[in-house]
Amino acid sequence: MITAIVFVQADVARIPEVAQQIAELDGVSEVYSVTGDIDLIAMVRVREHEEIATVVADRLNKVPGVLATETHIAFRAYSRHDLEAAFSLGLDES
């Protein structure tokens, strides 16, 4: 699975509607409203790199109220969940 993190600048008056429309797109797993220089962060998860262009350029960028995007491709994931799964022996804790 390929993950792309998309920073979205949106029309401030339409952030909730923009976020909801982005969240409904195929390939978008989550959308977060955030503080700072950007308004939303969308997590895109697809099977092939070419699909990122389809999701971001062909769909997400065309959502009314999206002003600009910046896409970052993840090449490795580090998280507590991933580490716990890697070292799990499959034993249930009591």
PDB file of N, CA and C in Angstrom:
ATOM      1  N   MET A   1       0.852  -1.176   0.000  1.00  0.00           N
ATOM      2  CA  MET A   1       0.000   0.000   0.000  1.00  0.00           C
ATOM      3  C   MET A   1       0.895   1.236   0.000  1.00  0.00           C
ATOM      4  N   ILE A   2       0.563   2.188  -0.832  1.00  0.00           N
ATOM      5  CA  ILE A   2       1.297   3.449  -0.928  1.00  0.00           C
ATOM      6  C   ILE A   2       0.486   4.521  -0.222  1.00  0.00           C
ATOM      7  N   THR A   3       1.158   5.292   0.620  1.00  0.00           N
ATOM      8  CA  THR A   3       0.496   6.356   1.368  1.00  0.00           C
ATOM      9  C   THR A   3       1.015   7.704   0.913  1.00  0.00           C
ATOM     10  N   ALA A   4       0.104   8.609   0.648  1.00  0.00           N
ATOM     11  CA  ALA A   4       0.448   9.997   0.342  1.00  0.00           C
ATOM     12  C   ALA A   4      -0.238  10.886   1.371  1.00  0.00           C
ATOM     13  N   ILE A   5       0.504  11.867   1.853  1.00  0.00           N
ATOM     14  CA  ILE A   5      -0.041  12.843   2.791  1.00  0.00           C
ATOM     15  C   ILE A   5      -0.234  14.122   1.993  1.00  0.00           C
ATOM     16  N   VAL A   6      -1.464  14.595   1.922  1.00  0.00           N
ATOM     17  CA  VAL A   6      -1.775  15.752   1.089  1.00  0.00           C
ATOM     18  C   VAL A   6      -2.173  16.921   1.985  1.00  0.00           C
ATOM     19  N   PHE A   7      -1.387  18.003   1.917  1.00  0.00           N
ATOM     20  CA  PHE A   7      -1.709  19.239   2.613  1.00  0.00           C
ATOM     21  C   PHE A   7      -2.659  20.027   1.718  1.00  0.00           C
ATOM     22  N   VAL A   8      -3.759  20.479   2.280  1.00  0.00           N
ATOM     23  CA  VAL A   8      -4.785  21.161   1.492  1.00  0.00           C
ATOM     24  C   VAL A   8      -5.039  22.553   2.050  1.00  0.00           C
ATOM     25  N   GLN A   9      -4.940  23.558   1.182  1.00  0.00           N
ATOM     26  CA  GLN A   9      -5.397  24.897   1.519  1.00  0.00           C
ATOM     27  C   GLN A   9      -6.799  25.017   0.949  1.00  0.00           C
ATOM     28  N   ALA A  10      -7.718  25.441   1.798  1.00  0.00           N
ATOM     29  CA  ALA A  10      -9.121  25.491   1.383  1.00  0.00           C
ATOM     30  C   ALA A  10      -9.712  26.865   1.654  1.00  0.00           C
ATOM     31  N   ASP A  11     -10.800  27.143   0.975  1.00  0.00           N
ATOM     32  CA  ASP A  11     -11.578  28.347   1.255  1.00  0.00           C
ATOM     33  C   ASP A  11     -12.042  28.250   2.705  1.00  0.00           C
ATOM     34  N   VAL A  12     -11.614  29.181   3.541  1.00  0.00           N
ATOM     35  CA  VAL A  12     -11.865  29.112   4.980  1.00  0.00           C
ATOM     36  C   VAL A  12     -13.363  29.012   5.291  1.00  0.00           C
ATOM     37  N   ALA A  13     -14.177  29.633   4.507  1.00  0.00           N
ATOM     38  CA  ALA A  13     -15.624  29.610   4.754  1.00  0.00           C
ATOM     39  C   ALA A  13     -16.246  28.265   4.411  1.00  0.00           C
ATOM     40  N   ARG A  14     -15.486  27.395   3.741  1.00  0.00           N
ATOM     41  CA  ARG A  14     -16.050  26.124   3.281  1.00  0.00           C
ATOM     42  C   ARG A  14     -15.303  24.909   3.801  1.00  0.00           C
ATOM     43  N   ILE A  15     -14.452  25.070   4.801  1.00  0.00           N
ATOM     44  CA  ILE A  15     -13.610  23.964   5.263  1.00  0.00           C
ATOM     45  C   ILE A  15     -14.412  22.701   5.608  1.00  0.00           C
ATOM     46  N   PRO A  16     -15.485  22.780   6.381  1.00  0.00           N
ATOM     47  CA  PRO A  16     -16.208  21.528   6.702  1.00  0.00           C
ATOM     48  C   PRO A  16     -16.739  20.805   5.463  1.00  0.00           C
ATOM     49  N   GLU A  17     -17.299  21.558   4.508  1.00  0.00           N
ATOM     50  CA  GLU A  17     -17.836  20.943   3.293  1.00  0.00           C
ATOM     51  C   GLU A  17     -16.715  20.363   2.427  1.00  0.00           C
ATOM     52  N   VAL A  18     -15.617  21.095   2.312  1.00  0.00           N
ATOM     53  CA  VAL A  18     -14.474  20.621   1.528  1.00  0.00           C
ATOM     54  C   VAL A  18     -13.928  19.336   2.143  1.00  0.00           C
ATOM     55  N   ALA A  19     -13.759  19.331   3.463  1.00  0.00           N
ATOM     56  CA  ALA A  19     -13.240  18.149   4.151  1.00  0.00           C
ATOM     57  C   ALA A  19     -14.143  16.943   3.925  1.00  0.00           C
ATOM     58  N   GLN A  20     -15.442  17.139   4.009  1.00  0.00           N
ATOM     59  CA  GLN A  20     -16.383  16.031   3.821  1.00  0.00           C
ATOM     60  C   GLN A  20     -16.324  15.492   2.395  1.00  0.00           C
ATOM     61  N   GLN A  21     -16.256  16.383   1.412  1.00  0.00           N
ATOM     62  CA  GLN A  21     -16.184  15.933   0.018  1.00  0.00           C
ATOM     63  C   GLN A  21     -14.886  15.176  -0.251  1.00  0.00           C
ATOM     64  N   ILE A  22     -13.779  15.650   0.318  1.00  0.00           N
ATOM     65  CA  ILE A  22     -12.508  14.954   0.141  1.00  0.00           C
ATOM     66  C   ILE A  22     -12.567  13.581   0.800  1.00  0.00           C
ATOM     67  N   ALA A  23     -13.142  13.514   1.987  1.00  0.00           N
ATOM     68  CA  ALA A  23     -13.230  12.244   2.725  1.00  0.00           C
ATOM     69  C   ALA A  23     -14.031  11.190   1.967  1.00  0.00           C
ATOM     70  N   GLU A  24     -14.933  11.620   1.117  1.00  0.00           N
ATOM     71  CA  GLU A  24     -15.777  10.694   0.368  1.00  0.00           C
ATOM     72  C   GLU A  24     -15.112  10.171  -0.908  1.00  0.00           C
ATOM     73  N   LEU A  25     -13.946  10.705  -1.261  1.00  0.00           N
ATOM     74  CA  LEU A  25     -13.267  10.257  -2.478  1.00  0.00           C
ATOM     75  C   LEU A  25     -12.652   8.872  -2.293  1.00  0.00           C
ATOM     76  N   ASP A  26     -12.763   8.035  -3.324  1.00  0.00           N
ATOM     77  CA  ASP A  26     -12.089   6.741  -3.302  1.00  0.00           C
ATOM     78  C   ASP A  26     -10.591   6.970  -3.203  1.00  0.00           C
ATOM     79  N   GLY A  27      -9.946   6.249  -2.303  1.00  0.00           N
ATOM     80  CA  GLY A  27      -8.519   6.384  -2.101  1.00  0.00           C
ATOM     81  C   GLY A  27      -8.144   7.268  -0.934  1.00  0.00           C
ATOM     82  N   VAL A  28      -9.089   8.049  -0.440  1.00  0.00           N
ATOM     83  CA  VAL A  28      -8.836   8.906   0.726  1.00  0.00           C
ATOM     84  C   VAL A  28      -9.319   8.157   1.957  1.00  0.00           C
ATOM     85  N   SER A  29      -8.397   7.917   2.902  1.00  0.00           N
ATOM     86  CA  SER A  29      -8.767   7.158   4.097  1.00  0.00           C
ATOM     87  C   SER A  29      -9.166   8.049   5.263  1.00  0.00           C
ATOM     88  N   GLU A  30      -8.556   9.232   5.355  1.00  0.00           N
ATOM     89  CA  GLU A  30      -8.850  10.139   6.461  1.00  0.00           C
ATOM     90  C   GLU A  30      -8.629  11.572   6.007  1.00  0.00           C
ATOM     91  N   VAL A  31      -9.326  12.500   6.650  1.00  0.00           N
ATOM     92  CA  VAL A  31      -9.105  13.931   6.445  1.00  0.00           C
ATOM     93  C   VAL A  31      -9.119  14.581   7.819  1.00  0.00           C
ATOM     94  N   TYR A  32      -8.091  15.400   8.077  1.00  0.00           N
ATOM     95  CA  TYR A  32      -7.968  16.083   9.362  1.00  0.00           C
ATOM     96  C   TYR A  32      -8.015  17.589   9.145  1.00  0.00           C
ATOM     97  N   SER A  33      -8.766  18.284   9.976  1.00  0.00           N
ATOM     98  CA  SER A  33      -8.723  19.735  10.044  1.00  0.00           C
ATOM     99  C   SER A  33      -7.607  20.083  11.017  1.00  0.00           C
ATOM    100  N   VAL A  34      -6.686  20.962  10.614  1.00  0.00           N
ATOM    101  CA  VAL A  34      -5.500  21.230  11.420  1.00  0.00           C
ATOM    102  C   VAL A  34      -5.251  22.732  11.566  1.00  0.00           C
ATOM    103  N   THR A  35      -4.390  23.062  12.531  1.00  0.00           N
ATOM    104  CA  THR A  35      -3.969  24.446  12.697  1.00  0.00           C
ATOM    105  C   THR A  35      -2.689  24.670  11.912  1.00  0.00           C
ATOM    106  N   GLY A  36      -2.346  25.917  11.703  1.00  0.00           N
ATOM    107  CA  GLY A  36      -1.102  26.232  11.011  1.00  0.00           C
ATOM    108  C   GLY A  36      -1.345  26.807   9.633  1.00  0.00           C
ATOM    109  N   ASP A  37      -0.352  26.660   8.777  1.00  0.00           N
ATOM    110  CA  ASP A  37      -0.396  27.256   7.441  1.00  0.00           C
ATOM    111  C   ASP A  37      -1.330  26.541   6.477  1.00  0.00           C
ATOM    112  N   ILE A  38      -1.719  25.314   6.805  1.00  0.00           N
ATOM    113  CA  ILE A  38      -2.640  24.574   5.944  1.00  0.00           C
ATOM    114  C   ILE A  38      -3.942  24.358   6.689  1.00  0.00           C
ATOM    115  N   ASP A  39      -4.980  24.018   5.967  1.00  0.00           N
ATOM    116  CA  ASP A  39      -6.303  23.863   6.567  1.00  0.00           C
ATOM    117  C   ASP A  39      -6.673  22.408   6.818  1.00  0.00           C
ATOM    118  N   LEU A  40      -6.288  21.527   5.899  1.00  0.00           N
ATOM    119  CA  LEU A  40      -6.664  20.118   5.987  1.00  0.00           C
ATOM    120  C   LEU A  40      -5.470  19.241   5.626  1.00  0.00           C
ATOM    121  N   ILE A  41      -5.452  18.053   6.188  1.00  0.00           N
ATOM    122  CA  ILE A  41      -4.501  17.018   5.768  1.00  0.00           C
ATOM    123  C   ILE A  41      -5.324  15.804   5.366  1.00  0.00           C
ATOM    124  N   ALA A  42      -5.097  15.337   4.144  1.00  0.00           N
ATOM    125  CA  ALA A  42      -5.793  14.154   3.645  1.00  0.00           C
ATOM    126  C   ALA A  42      -4.787  13.014   3.519  1.00  0.00           C
ATOM    127  N   MET A  43      -5.172  11.854   4.008  1.00  0.00           N
ATOM    128  CA  MET A  43      -4.351  10.657   3.879  1.00  0.00           C
ATOM    129  C   MET A  43      -4.895   9.849   2.699  1.00  0.00           C
ATOM    130  N   VAL A  44      -4.041   9.651   1.719  1.00  0.00           N
ATOM    131  CA  VAL A  44      -4.419   8.907   0.522  1.00  0.00           C
ATOM    132  C   VAL A  44      -3.680   7.575   0.554  1.00  0.00           C
ATOM    133  N   ARG A  45      -4.413   6.481   0.408  1.00  0.00           N
ATOM    134  CA  ARG A  45      -3.811   5.145   0.427  1.00  0.00           C
ATOM    135  C   ARG A  45      -4.278   4.401  -0.819  1.00  0.00           C
ATOM    136  N   VAL A  46      -3.292   4.054  -1.654  1.00  0.00           N
ATOM    137  CA  VAL A  46      -3.580   3.393  -2.928  1.00  0.00           C
ATOM    138  C   VAL A  46      -2.596   2.250  -3.155  1.00  0.00           C
ATOM    139  N   ARG A  47      -2.870   1.413  -4.141  1.00  0.00           N
ATOM    140  CA  ARG A  47      -2.007   0.261  -4.418  1.00  0.00           C
ATOM    141  C   ARG A  47      -0.840   0.597  -5.352  1.00  0.00           C
ATOM    142  N   GLU A  48      -1.021   1.557  -6.249  1.00  0.00           N
ATOM    143  CA  GLU A  48       0.020   1.879  -7.224  1.00  0.00           C
ATOM    144  C   GLU A  48       0.241   3.384  -7.297  1.00  0.00           C
ATOM    145  N   HIS A  49       1.468   3.780  -7.603  1.00  0.00           N
ATOM    146  CA  HIS A  49       1.809   5.200  -7.643  1.00  0.00           C
ATOM    147  C   HIS A  49       0.922   5.999  -8.602  1.00  0.00           C
ATOM    148  N   GLU A  50       0.587   5.412  -9.733  1.00  0.00           N
ATOM    149  CA  GLU A  50      -0.235   6.112 -10.713  1.00  0.00           C
ATOM    150  C   GLU A  50      -1.582   6.531 -10.142  1.00  0.00           C
ATOM    151  N   GLU A  51      -2.073   5.771  -9.173  1.00  0.00           N
ATOM    152  CA  GLU A  51      -3.370   6.084  -8.570  1.00  0.00           C
ATOM    153  C   GLU A  51      -3.322   7.372  -7.752  1.00  0.00           C
ATOM    154  N   ILE A  52      -2.143   7.758  -7.279  1.00  0.00           N
ATOM    155  CA  ILE A  52      -2.031   9.014  -6.532  1.00  0.00           C
ATOM    156  C   ILE A  52      -2.420  10.178  -7.423  1.00  0.00           C
ATOM    157  N   ALA A  53      -1.960  10.169  -8.667  1.00  0.00           N
ATOM    158  CA  ALA A  53      -2.318  11.232  -9.603  1.00  0.00           C
ATOM    159  C   ALA A  53      -3.813  11.265  -9.848  1.00  0.00           C
ATOM    160  N   THR A  54      -4.415  10.099  -9.958  1.00  0.00           N
ATOM    161  CA  THR A  54      -5.863  10.040 -10.172  1.00  0.00           C
ATOM    162  C   THR A  54      -6.610  10.640  -8.991  1.00  0.00           C
ATOM    163  N   VAL A  55      -6.227  10.238  -7.787  1.00  0.00           N
ATOM    164  CA  VAL A  55      -6.933  10.722  -6.587  1.00  0.00           C
ATOM    165  C   VAL A  55      -6.679  12.210  -6.370  1.00  0.00           C
ATOM    166  N   VAL A  56      -5.404  12.612  -6.400  1.00  0.00           N
ATOM    167  CA  VAL A  56      -5.072  13.999  -6.051  1.00  0.00           C
ATOM    168  C   VAL A  56      -5.353  14.965  -7.199  1.00  0.00           C
ATOM    169  N   ALA A  57      -4.736  14.728  -8.348  1.00  0.00           N
ATOM    170  CA  ALA A  57      -4.856  15.684  -9.455  1.00  0.00           C
ATOM    171  C   ALA A  57      -6.224  15.656 -10.125  1.00  0.00           C
ATOM    172  N   ASP A  58      -6.770  14.466 -10.308  1.00  0.00           N
ATOM    173  CA  ASP A  58      -8.027  14.365 -11.048  1.00  0.00           C
ATOM    174  C   ASP A  58      -9.271  14.551 -10.193  1.00  0.00           C
ATOM    175  N   ARG A  59      -9.184  14.275  -8.891  1.00  0.00           N
ATOM    176  CA  ARG A  59     -10.382  14.355  -8.041  1.00  0.00           C
ATOM    177  C   ARG A  59     -10.261  15.391  -6.930  1.00  0.00           C
ATOM    178  N   LEU A  60      -9.271  15.226  -6.048  1.00  0.00           N
ATOM    179  CA  LEU A  60      -9.161  16.084  -4.875  1.00  0.00           C
ATOM    180  C   LEU A  60      -8.984  17.550  -5.270  1.00  0.00           C
ATOM    181  N   ASN A  61      -8.098  17.821  -6.212  1.00  0.00           N
ATOM    182  CA  ASN A  61      -7.862  19.213  -6.630  1.00  0.00           C
ATOM    183  C   ASN A  61      -9.074  19.855  -7.274  1.00  0.00           C
ATOM    184  N   LYS A  62     -10.024  19.055  -7.705  1.00  0.00           N
ATOM    185  CA  LYS A  62     -11.213  19.589  -8.362  1.00  0.00           C
ATOM    186  C   LYS A  62     -12.398  19.772  -7.415  1.00  0.00           C
ATOM    187  N   VAL A  63     -12.218  19.456  -6.147  1.00  0.00           N
ATOM    188  CA  VAL A  63     -13.280  19.684  -5.161  1.00  0.00           C
ATOM    189  C   VAL A  63     -13.455  21.193  -5.003  1.00  0.00           C
ATOM    190  N   PRO A  64     -14.686  21.698  -5.162  1.00  0.00           N
ATOM    191  CA  PRO A  64     -14.906  23.133  -4.990  1.00  0.00           C
ATOM    192  C   PRO A  64     -14.461  23.589  -3.597  1.00  0.00           C
ATOM    193  N   GLY A  65     -13.661  24.651  -3.574  1.00  0.00           N
ATOM    194  CA  GLY A  65     -13.162  25.166  -2.305  1.00  0.00           C
ATOM    195  C   GLY A  65     -11.714  24.789  -2.026  1.00  0.00           C
ATOM    196  N   VAL A  66     -11.151  23.841  -2.798  1.00  0.00           N
ATOM    197  CA  VAL A  66      -9.735  23.516  -2.663  1.00  0.00           C
ATOM    198  C   VAL A  66      -8.955  24.580  -3.435  1.00  0.00           C
ATOM    199  N   LEU A  67      -8.056  25.262  -2.727  1.00  0.00           N
ATOM    200  CA  LEU A  67      -7.284  26.336  -3.340  1.00  0.00           C
ATOM    201  C   LEU A  67      -5.906  25.872  -3.791  1.00  0.00           C
ATOM    202  N   ALA A  68      -5.279  24.981  -3.027  1.00  0.00           N
ATOM    203  CA  ALA A  68      -3.949  24.480  -3.363  1.00  0.00           C
ATOM    204  C   ALA A  68      -3.685  23.202  -2.588  1.00  0.00           C
ATOM    205  N   THR A  69      -2.786  22.364  -3.128  1.00  0.00           N
ATOM    206  CA  THR A  69      -2.393  21.143  -2.434  1.00  0.00           C
ATOM    207  C   THR A  69      -0.879  20.975  -2.518  1.00  0.00           C
ATOM    208  N   GLU A  70      -0.359  20.223  -1.562  1.00  0.00           N
ATOM    209  CA  GLU A  70       1.057  19.821  -1.554  1.00  0.00           C
ATOM    210  C   GLU A  70       1.071  18.361  -1.134  1.00  0.00           C
ATOM    211  N   THR A  71       1.631  17.504  -1.975  1.00  0.00           N
ATOM    212  CA  THR A  71       1.577  16.065  -1.746  1.00  0.00           C
ATOM    213  C   THR A  71       2.943  15.522  -1.349  1.00  0.00           C
ATOM    214  N   HIS A  72       2.942  14.700  -0.295  1.00  0.00           N
ATOM    215  CA  HIS A  72       4.151  14.041   0.189  1.00  0.00           C
ATOM    216  C   HIS A  72       3.921  12.534   0.140  1.00  0.00           C
ATOM    217  N   ILE A  73       4.847  11.807  -0.478  1.00  0.00           N
ATOM    218  CA  ILE A  73       4.740  10.352  -0.572  1.00  0.00           C
ATOM    219  C   ILE A  73       5.522   9.737   0.591  1.00  0.00           C
ATOM    220  N   ALA A  74       4.876   8.857   1.329  1.00  0.00           N
ATOM    221  CA  ALA A  74       5.541   8.163   2.435  1.00  0.00           C
ATOM    222  C   ALA A  74       6.253   6.933   1.884  1.00  0.00           C
ATOM    223  N   PHE A  75       7.495   6.720   2.319  1.00  0.00           N
ATOM    224  CA  PHE A  75       8.195   5.519   1.867  1.00  0.00           C
ATOM    225  C   PHE A  75       8.449   4.530   2.983  1.00  0.00           C
ATOM    226  N   ARG A  76       8.225   4.916   4.205  1.00  0.00           N
ATOM    227  CA  ARG A  76       8.360   3.995   5.336  1.00  0.00           C
ATOM    228  C   ARG A  76       7.483   4.515   6.463  1.00  0.00           C
ATOM    229  N   ALA A  77       6.854   3.591   7.200  1.00  0.00           N
ATOM    230  CA  ALA A  77       5.988   3.976   8.324  1.00  0.00           C
ATOM    231  C   ALA A  77       6.622   3.527   9.635  1.00  0.00           C
ATOM    232  N   TYR A  78       6.589   4.412  10.593  1.00  0.00           N
ATOM    233  CA  TYR A  78       7.045   4.102  11.943  1.00  0.00           C
ATOM    234  C   TYR A  78       5.906   4.449  12.888  1.00  0.00           C
ATOM    235  N   SER A  79       5.431   3.471  13.604  1.00  0.00           N
ATOM    236  CA  SER A  79       4.393   3.748  14.592  1.00  0.00           C
ATOM    237  C   SER A  79       4.427   2.671  15.654  1.00  0.00           C
ATOM    238  N   ARG A  80       3.904   2.986  16.808  1.00  0.00           N
ATOM    239  CA  ARG A  80       3.854   2.011  17.898  1.00  0.00           C
ATOM    240  C   ARG A  80       3.083   0.775  17.452  1.00  0.00           C
ATOM    241  N   HIS A  81       1.993   0.970  16.744  1.00  0.00           N
ATOM    242  CA  HIS A  81       1.170  -0.149  16.273  1.00  0.00           C
ATOM    243  C   HIS A  81       1.994  -1.088  15.400  1.00  0.00           C
ATOM    244  N   ASP A  82       2.768  -0.529  14.446  1.00  0.00           N
ATOM    245  CA  ASP A  82       3.581  -1.348  13.555  1.00  0.00           C
ATOM    246  C   ASP A  82       4.647  -2.112  14.334  1.00  0.00           C
ATOM    247  N   LEU A  83       5.294  -1.448  15.294  1.00  0.00           N
ATOM    248  CA  LEU A  83       6.342  -2.102  16.066  1.00  0.00           C
ATOM    249  C   LEU A  83       5.782  -3.216  16.946  1.00  0.00           C
ATOM    250  N   GLU A  84       4.622  -2.979  17.546  1.00  0.00           N
ATOM    251  CA  GLU A  84       4.008  -4.012  18.384  1.00  0.00           C
ATOM    252  C   GLU A  84       3.652  -5.230  17.544  1.00  0.00           C
ATOM    253  N   ALA A  85       3.141  -5.025  16.351  1.00  0.00           N
ATOM    254  CA  ALA A  85       2.781  -6.138  15.478  1.00  0.00           C
ATOM    255  C   ALA A  85       4.028  -6.917  15.047  1.00  0.00           C
ATOM    256  N   ALA A  86       5.120  -6.211  14.798  1.00  0.00           N
ATOM    257  CA  ALA A  86       6.340  -6.871  14.345  1.00  0.00           C
ATOM    258  C   ALA A  86       6.935  -7.770  15.418  1.00  0.00           C
ATOM    259  N   PHE A  87       6.781  -7.396  16.685  1.00  0.00           N
ATOM    260  CA  PHE A  87       7.388  -8.163  17.766  1.00  0.00           C
ATOM    261  C   PHE A  87       6.398  -9.053  18.507  1.00  0.00           C
ATOM    262  N   SER A  88       5.179  -9.103  18.054  1.00  0.00           N
ATOM    263  CA  SER A  88       4.157  -9.909  18.700  1.00  0.00           C
ATOM    264  C   SER A  88       4.407 -11.387  18.435  1.00  0.00           C
ATOM    265  N   LEU A  89       4.229 -12.185  19.476  1.00  0.00           N
ATOM    266  CA  LEU A  89       4.360 -13.638  19.336  1.00  0.00           C
ATOM    267  C   LEU A  89       3.013 -14.298  19.112  1.00  0.00           C
ATOM    268  N   GLY A  90       1.970 -13.472  19.045  1.00  0.00           N
ATOM    269  CA  GLY A  90       0.651 -14.020  18.854  1.00  0.00           C
ATOM    270  C   GLY A  90       0.020 -14.539  20.127  1.00  0.00           C
ATOM    271  N   LEU A  91       0.591 -14.226  21.254  1.00  0.00           N
ATOM    272  CA  LEU A  91       0.061 -14.676  22.535  1.00  0.00           C
ATOM    273  C   LEU A  91      -0.905 -13.651  23.073  1.00  0.00           C
ATOM    274  N   ASP A  92      -2.003 -14.096  23.600  1.00  0.00           N
ATOM    275  CA  ASP A  92      -2.970 -13.195  24.215  1.00  0.00           C
ATOM    276  C   ASP A  92      -2.455 -12.786  25.591  1.00  0.00           C
ATOM    277  N   GLU A  93      -2.613 -11.485  25.895  1.00  0.00           N
ATOM    278  CA  GLU A  93      -2.244 -11.019  27.231  1.00  0.00           C
ATOM    279  C   GLU A  93      -3.414 -11.242  28.164  1.00  0.00           C
ATOM    280  N   SER A  94      -3.130 -11.621  29.395  1.00  0.00           N
ATOM    281  CA  SER A  94      -4.208 -11.847  30.352  1.00  0.00           C
ATOM    282  C   SER A  94      -4.242 -10.766  31.391  1.00  0.00           C
TER     283      SER A  94
END
